[in-house]
Amino acid sequence: MCQFFSVCSKDGQPYYFDWALREKVIKGELKFEPDSHTSILDYYGFKGLAQDRFNKYEYNPLTKNFQIDRLCTEDDSILIKDFCEKLNFKRIVPQLTFNPIIHPFKDRDAKKVTKSDLKLLKQWASVWASVWASVGDSVWDSVWDSVRDSVGDSVGDSVWAYTSNQFTLDKWKYIKHEKGVNPYQCLIDLWEKGLVPTYDGKIWYLLGGKKVKIIWKGKIK
């Protein structure tokens, strides 16, 4: 499966979908897949066997990971990697914010929970059930699956909500909130303190620390 950001090349010349093209796809004006190597080459007029003369690459602008998907002609990966690293991705997905990605356990070492943390958890408990559909439809409607595979049960909901930190949207679907305000900011704040919530259907837990232990558990009133 092709991932964001996909690019094809020949002799160092990159072919890809910028925001102008992605927006046309979102609006239904173009019937292509912005991060499919085959679709990219179809759009630029290279069809069938002609596509076997192009190299295929993928670059994740959030993690800076560059991958060679397939080399079909002279290796120009150094040139394309340099191109990707220098590319202004606001020209690809304007809604991306590129906030630093925090690993709650490796980059933080939470050892206790405060009253303010529990207040954030209470806020999270009130919105977590909507996160999958809300972030999914809000983000993917806006950027057409552009970063779905760039990020990884209730812990999964936390991961999903944390990805919302990489976007600036006026409106998140299926949840009431102030315009321009991320309704899942409470999770982001907990996450960046090194605390990750999970729920077993009865009890809430806050996980944290280098060894990932339960720091707090209880019911939300």
C-alpha atoms as a PDB file:
ATOM      1  CA  MET A   1       0.000   0.000   0.000  1.00  0.00           C
ATOM      2  CA  CYS A   2       1.403   3.381  -1.001  1.00  0.00           C
ATOM      3  CA  GLN A   3       1.783   5.892   1.804  1.00  0.00           C
ATOM      4  CA  PHE A   4       2.069   9.634   2.247  1.00  0.00           C
ATOM      5  CA  PHE A   5       4.120  11.147   0.720  1.00  0.00           C
ATOM      6  CA  SER A   6       4.482   9.162  -2.543  1.00  0.00           C
ATOM      7  CA  VAL A   7       6.680  10.330  -5.387  1.00  0.00           C
ATOM      8  CA  CYS A   8       7.772   8.812  -8.699  1.00  0.00           C
ATOM      9  CA  SER A   9      10.899   9.817 -10.574  1.00  0.00           C
ATOM     10  CA  LYS A  10      13.089   9.371 -13.598  1.00  0.00           C
ATOM     11  CA  ASP A  11      16.549  10.911 -13.990  1.00  0.00           C
ATOM     12  CA  GLY A  12      15.988  12.932 -10.818  1.00  0.00           C
ATOM     13  CA  GLN A  13      12.692  14.463 -12.017  1.00  0.00           C
ATOM     14  CA  PRO A  14       9.986  14.032  -9.352  1.00  0.00           C
ATOM     15  CA  TYR A  15       6.304  13.468 -10.099  1.00  0.00           C
ATOM     16  CA  TYR A  16       3.820  13.898  -7.261  1.00  0.00           C
ATOM     17  CA  PHE A  17       0.513  15.494  -6.233  1.00  0.00           C
ATOM     18  CA  ASP A  18       0.690  18.963  -4.690  1.00  0.00           C
ATOM     19  CA  TRP A  19      -2.215  20.546  -2.796  1.00  0.00           C
ATOM     20  CA  ALA A  20      -3.800  22.023  -5.923  1.00  0.00           C
ATOM     21  CA  LEU A  21      -4.179  18.523  -7.347  1.00  0.00           C
ATOM     22  CA  ARG A  22      -5.152  16.933  -4.023  1.00  0.00           C
ATOM     23  CA  GLU A  23      -7.874  19.520  -3.553  1.00  0.00           C
ATOM     24  CA  LYS A  24      -9.313  18.697  -6.968  1.00  0.00           C
ATOM     25  CA  VAL A  25      -9.379  15.027  -5.978  1.00  0.00           C
ATOM     26  CA  ILE A  26     -11.198  15.876  -2.737  1.00  0.00           C
ATOM     27  CA  LYS A  27     -13.759  17.924  -4.672  1.00  0.00           C
ATOM     28  CA  GLY A  28     -14.278  15.085  -7.142  1.00  0.00           C
ATOM     29  CA  GLU A  29     -12.841  17.035 -10.053  1.00  0.00           C
ATOM     30  CA  LEU A  30     -10.075  14.468 -10.591  1.00  0.00           C
ATOM     31  CA  LYS A  31     -10.412  10.696 -10.265  1.00  0.00           C
ATOM     32  CA  PHE A  32      -6.943   9.834  -9.011  1.00  0.00           C
ATOM     33  CA  GLU A  33      -5.289   8.664  -5.792  1.00  0.00           C
ATOM     34  CA  PRO A  34      -2.693  11.265  -4.702  1.00  0.00           C
ATOM     35  CA  ASP A  35      -0.402   8.758  -2.978  1.00  0.00           C
ATOM     36  CA  SER A  36      -0.640   5.853  -5.374  1.00  0.00           C
ATOM     37  CA  HIS A  37       2.444   5.562  -7.566  1.00  0.00           C
ATOM     38  CA  THR A  38       0.353   4.078 -10.371  1.00  0.00           C
ATOM     39  CA  SER A  39      -2.218   6.863 -10.130  1.00  0.00           C
ATOM     40  CA  ILE A  40       0.450   9.573 -10.041  1.00  0.00           C
ATOM     41  CA  LEU A  41       2.019   8.291 -13.244  1.00  0.00           C
ATOM     42  CA  ASP A  42      -1.408   7.850 -14.865  1.00  0.00           C
ATOM     43  CA  TYR A  43      -2.155  11.521 -14.187  1.00  0.00           C
ATOM     44  CA  TYR A  44       1.112  12.639 -15.781  1.00  0.00           C
ATOM     45  CA  GLY A  45       0.379  10.544 -18.880  1.00  0.00           C
ATOM     46  CA  PHE A  46       2.617   7.542 -18.262  1.00  0.00           C
ATOM     47  CA  LYS A  47       0.461   4.449 -18.521  1.00  0.00           C
ATOM     48  CA  GLY A  48       0.901   0.697 -18.671  1.00  0.00           C
ATOM     49  CA  LEU A  49       4.416  -0.561 -19.303  1.00  0.00           C
ATOM     50  CA  ALA A  50       5.731   3.005 -19.451  1.00  0.00           C
ATOM     51  CA  GLN A  51       5.441   3.094 -15.661  1.00  0.00           C
ATOM     52  CA  ASP A  52       8.154   0.453 -15.398  1.00  0.00           C
ATOM     53  CA  ARG A  53      10.676   3.115 -16.375  1.00  0.00           C
ATOM     54  CA  PHE A  54      10.075   5.150 -13.199  1.00  0.00           C
ATOM     55  CA  ASN A  55      11.366   4.750  -9.664  1.00  0.00           C
ATOM     56  CA  LYS A  56       8.915   4.820  -6.763  1.00  0.00           C
ATOM     57  CA  TYR A  57       9.613   6.364  -3.365  1.00  0.00           C
ATOM     58  CA  GLU A  58       7.798   7.266  -0.150  1.00  0.00           C
ATOM     59  CA  TYR A  59       8.689   9.950   2.368  1.00  0.00           C
ATOM     60  CA  ASN A  60       7.102  10.632   5.747  1.00  0.00           C
ATOM     61  CA  PRO A  61       7.542  14.345   6.523  1.00  0.00           C
ATOM     62  CA  LEU A  62       6.569  13.793  10.169  1.00  0.00           C
ATOM     63  CA  THR A  63       9.173  11.123  10.922  1.00  0.00           C
ATOM     64  CA  LYS A  64      11.616  12.096   8.119  1.00  0.00           C
ATOM     65  CA  ASN A  65      11.669   8.484   7.002  1.00  0.00           C
ATOM     66  CA  PHE A  66      12.562   8.001   3.309  1.00  0.00           C
ATOM     67  CA  GLN A  67      11.858   4.659   1.662  1.00  0.00           C
ATOM     68  CA  ILE A  68      12.690   3.193  -1.702  1.00  0.00           C
ATOM     69  CA  ASP A  69       9.547   1.409  -2.828  1.00  0.00           C
ATOM     70  CA  ARG A  70      10.895   0.218  -6.156  1.00  0.00           C
ATOM     71  CA  LEU A  71      13.875   0.992  -8.379  1.00  0.00           C
ATOM     72  CA  CYS A  72      13.028   0.476 -12.036  1.00  0.00           C
ATOM     73  CA  THR A  73      15.693   2.597 -13.673  1.00  0.00           C
ATOM     74  CA  GLU A  74      18.904   4.406 -12.720  1.00  0.00           C
ATOM     75  CA  ASP A  75      19.035   4.980  -8.973  1.00  0.00           C
ATOM     76  CA  ASP A  76      18.243   8.637  -8.279  1.00  0.00           C
ATOM     77  CA  SER A  77      17.277   8.077  -4.635  1.00  0.00           C
ATOM     78  CA  ILE A  78      19.855  10.553  -3.290  1.00  0.00           C
ATOM     79  CA  LEU A  79      18.398  13.311  -5.468  1.00  0.00           C
ATOM     80  CA  ILE A  80      14.795  12.460  -4.575  1.00  0.00           C
ATOM     81  CA  LYS A  81      15.543  12.162  -0.867  1.00  0.00           C
ATOM     82  CA  ASP A  82      17.142  15.611  -0.980  1.00  0.00           C
ATOM     83  CA  PHE A  83      14.099  16.914  -2.872  1.00  0.00           C
ATOM     84  CA  CYS A  84      11.708  15.511  -0.240  1.00  0.00           C
ATOM     85  CA  GLU A  85      13.705  16.861   2.681  1.00  0.00           C
ATOM     86  CA  LYS A  86      13.717  20.363   1.189  1.00  0.00           C
ATOM     87  CA  LEU A  87      10.095  20.325   0.014  1.00  0.00           C
ATOM     88  CA  ASN A  88       7.724  22.767   1.719  1.00  0.00           C
ATOM     89  CA  PHE A  89       4.955  20.365   2.749  1.00  0.00           C
ATOM     90  CA  LYS A  90       2.560  23.238   3.301  1.00  0.00           C
ATOM     91  CA  ARG A  91       2.344  23.110  -0.496  1.00  0.00           C
ATOM     92  CA  ILE A  92       1.248  19.485  -0.216  1.00  0.00           C
ATOM     93  CA  VAL A  93      -1.110  19.600   2.809  1.00  0.00           C
ATOM     94  CA  PRO A  94      -1.670  23.142   4.134  1.00  0.00           C
ATOM     95  CA  GLN A  95      -3.443  21.851   7.262  1.00  0.00           C
ATOM     96  CA  LEU A  96      -0.345  20.074   8.540  1.00  0.00           C
ATOM     97  CA  THR A  97       1.241  21.828  11.525  1.00  0.00           C
ATOM     98  CA  PHE A  98       4.377  19.688  12.012  1.00  0.00           C
ATOM     99  CA  ASN A  99       4.316  19.905  15.796  1.00  0.00           C
ATOM    100  CA  PRO A 100       7.121  17.919  17.442  1.00  0.00           C
ATOM    101  CA  ILE A 101       6.081  14.295  17.969  1.00  0.00           C
ATOM    102  CA  ILE A 102       6.387  13.321  21.629  1.00  0.00           C
ATOM    103  CA  HIS A 103       6.722   9.705  22.741  1.00  0.00           C
ATOM    104  CA  PRO A 104       4.898   9.743  26.101  1.00  0.00           C
ATOM    105  CA  PHE A 105       7.055   7.021  27.638  1.00  0.00           C
ATOM    106  CA  LYS A 106      10.471   7.479  26.027  1.00  0.00           C
ATOM    107  CA  ASP A 107      10.501  11.287  25.992  1.00  0.00           C
ATOM    108  CA  ARG A 108       8.740  11.759  29.319  1.00  0.00           C
ATOM    109  CA  ASP A 109       8.972  10.013  32.689  1.00  0.00           C
ATOM    110  CA  ALA A 110       5.723  10.714  34.500  1.00  0.00           C
ATOM    111  CA  LYS A 111       5.674   9.514  38.101  1.00  0.00           C
ATOM    112  CA  LYS A 112       2.549  11.080  39.599  1.00  0.00           C
ATOM    113  CA  VAL A 113      -0.853  12.429  38.667  1.00  0.00           C
ATOM    114  CA  THR A 114      -2.079  15.886  39.664  1.00  0.00           C
ATOM    115  CA  LYS A 115      -5.554  17.325  40.059  1.00  0.00           C
ATOM    116  CA  SER A 116      -5.107  19.162  36.771  1.00  0.00           C
ATOM    117  CA  ASP A 117      -4.246  15.836  35.107  1.00  0.00           C
ATOM    118  CA  LEU A 118      -7.468  14.308  36.429  1.00  0.00           C
ATOM    119  CA  LYS A 119      -9.385  17.307  35.124  1.00  0.00           C
ATOM    120  CA  LEU A 120      -7.917  16.652  31.676  1.00  0.00           C
ATOM    121  CA  LEU A 121      -8.799  12.963  32.005  1.00  0.00           C
ATOM    122  CA  LYS A 122     -12.397  13.883  32.834  1.00  0.00           C
ATOM    123  CA  GLN A 123     -12.524  16.033  29.696  1.00  0.00           C
ATOM    124  CA  TRP A 124     -11.068  13.166  27.690  1.00  0.00           C
ATOM    125  CA  ALA A 125     -13.639  10.727  29.114  1.00  0.00           C
ATOM    126  CA  SER A 126     -16.385  12.980  27.773  1.00  0.00           C
ATOM    127  CA  VAL A 127     -15.074  13.033  24.173  1.00  0.00           C
ATOM    128  CA  TRP A 128     -13.010   9.883  23.607  1.00  0.00           C
ATOM    129  CA  ALA A 129     -15.888   7.855  22.148  1.00  0.00           C
ATOM    130  CA  SER A 130     -16.162  10.252  19.201  1.00  0.00           C
ATOM    131  CA  VAL A 131     -12.485  10.439  18.367  1.00  0.00           C
ATOM    132  CA  TRP A 132     -12.176   7.690  15.736  1.00  0.00           C
ATOM    133  CA  ALA A 133     -14.935   8.918  13.447  1.00  0.00           C
ATOM    134  CA  SER A 134     -14.280  12.582  14.185  1.00  0.00           C
ATOM    135  CA  VAL A 135     -10.558  12.647  13.507  1.00  0.00           C
ATOM    136  CA  GLY A 136     -10.907  10.134  10.700  1.00  0.00           C
ATOM    137  CA  ASP A 137     -13.571  11.958   8.716  1.00  0.00           C
ATOM    138  CA  SER A 138     -12.372  15.478   9.558  1.00  0.00           C
ATOM    139  CA  VAL A 139      -8.778  14.880   8.600  1.00  0.00           C
ATOM    140  CA  TRP A 140      -9.281  12.503   5.716  1.00  0.00           C
ATOM    141  CA  ASP A 141     -11.998  14.640   4.140  1.00  0.00           C
ATOM    142  CA  SER A 142      -9.545  17.519   4.301  1.00  0.00           C
ATOM    143  CA  VAL A 143      -6.366  15.847   3.098  1.00  0.00           C
ATOM    144  CA  TRP A 144      -7.611  12.694   1.407  1.00  0.00           C
ATOM    145  CA  ASP A 145      -5.913   9.983   3.469  1.00  0.00           C
ATOM    146  CA  SER A 146      -2.618  11.856   3.262  1.00  0.00           C
ATOM    147  CA  VAL A 147      -1.140  10.812   6.596  1.00  0.00           C
ATOM    148  CA  ARG A 148      -3.316   7.921   7.744  1.00  0.00           C
ATOM    149  CA  ASP A 149      -0.383   5.487   7.649  1.00  0.00           C
ATOM    150  CA  SER A 150       2.082   7.854   9.236  1.00  0.00           C
ATOM    151  CA  VAL A 151       0.794   7.153  12.780  1.00  0.00           C
ATOM    152  CA  GLY A 152      -0.225   4.018  14.549  1.00  0.00           C
ATOM    153  CA  ASP A 153      -8.616  -0.183  21.921  1.00  0.00           C
ATOM    154  CA  SER A 154      -8.755   2.829  24.127  1.00  0.00           C
ATOM    155  CA  VAL A 155      -5.008   3.356  23.957  1.00  0.00           C
ATOM    156  CA  GLY A 156      -5.500   3.298  20.190  1.00  0.00           C
ATOM    157  CA  ASP A 157      -8.052   6.065  20.575  1.00  0.00           C
ATOM    158  CA  SER A 158      -5.407   8.095  22.399  1.00  0.00           C
ATOM    159  CA  VAL A 159      -2.946   7.550  19.564  1.00  0.00           C
ATOM    160  CA  TRP A 160      -5.621   8.547  17.054  1.00  0.00           C
ATOM    161  CA  ALA A 161      -6.494  11.680  19.020  1.00  0.00           C
ATOM    162  CA  TYR A 162      -2.835  12.614  19.328  1.00  0.00           C
ATOM    163  CA  THR A 163      -2.537  12.671  15.541  1.00  0.00           C
ATOM    164  CA  SER A 164      -5.004  15.574  15.561  1.00  0.00           C
ATOM    165  CA  ASN A 165      -2.130  17.633  16.962  1.00  0.00           C
ATOM    166  CA  GLN A 166      -0.625  17.601  13.480  1.00  0.00           C
ATOM    167  CA  PHE A 167      -3.534  19.476  11.892  1.00  0.00           C
ATOM    168  CA  THR A 168      -5.191  22.862  12.129  1.00  0.00           C
ATOM    169  CA  LEU A 169      -8.882  22.632  11.280  1.00  0.00           C
ATOM    170  CA  ASP A 170     -11.709  25.041  11.998  1.00  0.00           C
ATOM    171  CA  LYS A 171     -14.229  22.244  12.416  1.00  0.00           C
ATOM    172  CA  TRP A 172     -13.969  18.664  13.677  1.00  0.00           C
ATOM    173  CA  LYS A 173     -16.889  16.467  12.672  1.00  0.00           C
ATOM    174  CA  TYR A 174     -19.398  14.790  14.998  1.00  0.00           C
ATOM    175  CA  ILE A 175     -18.499  16.823  18.083  1.00  0.00           C
ATOM    176  CA  LYS A 176     -19.489  20.261  19.309  1.00  0.00           C
ATOM    177  CA  HIS A 177     -16.577  22.604  19.935  1.00  0.00           C
ATOM    178  CA  GLU A 178     -15.474  26.191  19.591  1.00  0.00           C
ATOM    179  CA  LYS A 179     -14.401  27.049  16.048  1.00  0.00           C
ATOM    180  CA  GLY A 180     -10.676  26.549  15.567  1.00  0.00           C
ATOM    181  CA  VAL A 181     -10.278  24.747  18.901  1.00  0.00           C
ATOM    182  CA  ASN A 182      -9.142  21.123  18.908  1.00  0.00           C
ATOM    183  CA  PRO A 183     -11.710  19.206  21.018  1.00  0.00           C
ATOM    184  CA  TYR A 184      -9.055  16.584  21.780  1.00  0.00           C
ATOM    185  CA  GLN A 185      -6.506  19.012  23.211  1.00  0.00           C
ATOM    186  CA  CYS A 186      -7.061  17.444  26.656  1.00  0.00           C
ATOM    187  CA  LEU A 187      -5.556  14.187  25.385  1.00  0.00           C
ATOM    188  CA  ILE A 188      -2.673  16.010  23.724  1.00  0.00           C
ATOM    189  CA  ASP A 189      -1.897  17.806  27.007  1.00  0.00           C
ATOM    190  CA  LEU A 190      -1.927  14.509  28.940  1.00  0.00           C
ATOM    191  CA  TRP A 191       0.178  12.786  26.289  1.00  0.00           C
ATOM    192  CA  GLU A 192       2.822  15.499  26.334  1.00  0.00           C
ATOM    193  CA  LYS A 193       3.005  15.181  30.117  1.00  0.00           C
ATOM    194  CA  GLY A 194       3.779  11.501  29.628  1.00  0.00           C
ATOM    195  CA  LEU A 195       0.333  10.200  30.575  1.00  0.00           C
ATOM    196  CA  VAL A 196      -1.736   7.939  28.324  1.00  0.00           C
ATOM    197  CA  PRO A 197      -5.352   7.110  29.286  1.00  0.00           C
ATOM    198  CA  THR A 198      -7.008   3.752  28.811  1.00  0.00           C
ATOM    199  CA  TYR A 199     -10.401   2.408  29.832  1.00  0.00           C
ATOM    200  CA  ASP A 200     -11.622  -1.142  30.482  1.00  0.00           C
ATOM    201  CA  GLY A 201     -15.307  -0.314  30.403  1.00  0.00           C
ATOM    202  CA  LYS A 202     -15.493   0.396  34.128  1.00  0.00           C
ATOM    203  CA  ILE A 203     -12.187   1.802  35.320  1.00  0.00           C
ATOM    204  CA  TRP A 204      -9.979   4.513  33.840  1.00  0.00           C
ATOM    205  CA  TYR A 205      -6.190   4.173  33.985  1.00  0.00           C
ATOM    206  CA  LEU A 206      -3.338   6.577  33.380  1.00  0.00           C
ATOM    207  CA  LEU A 207      -0.186   4.888  32.124  1.00  0.00           C
ATOM    208  CA  GLY A 208       3.213   6.541  32.307  1.00  0.00           C
ATOM    209  CA  GLY A 209       6.899   6.300  33.092  1.00  0.00           C
ATOM    210  CA  LYS A 210       9.846   4.751  31.299  1.00  0.00           C
ATOM    211  CA  LYS A 211       8.618   1.271  32.254  1.00  0.00           C
ATOM    212  CA  VAL A 212       4.993   2.052  31.342  1.00  0.00           C
ATOM    213  CA  LYS A 213       3.228   1.454  34.648  1.00  0.00           C
ATOM    214  CA  ILE A 214      -0.251   2.274  35.910  1.00  0.00           C
ATOM    215  CA  ILE A 215       0.219   5.575  37.749  1.00  0.00           C
ATOM    216  CA  TRP A 216      -3.440   6.142  38.531  1.00  0.00           C
ATOM    217  CA  LYS A 217      -6.698   4.207  38.267  1.00  0.00           C
ATOM    218  CA  GLY A 218     -10.269   4.970  39.267  1.00  0.00           C
ATOM    219  CA  LYS A 219     -13.705   5.981  38.117  1.00  0.00           C
ATOM    220  CA  ILE A 220     -14.489   9.332  36.570  1.00  0.00           C
ATOM    221  CA  LYS A 221     -17.266  11.162  38.402  1.00  0.00           C
END
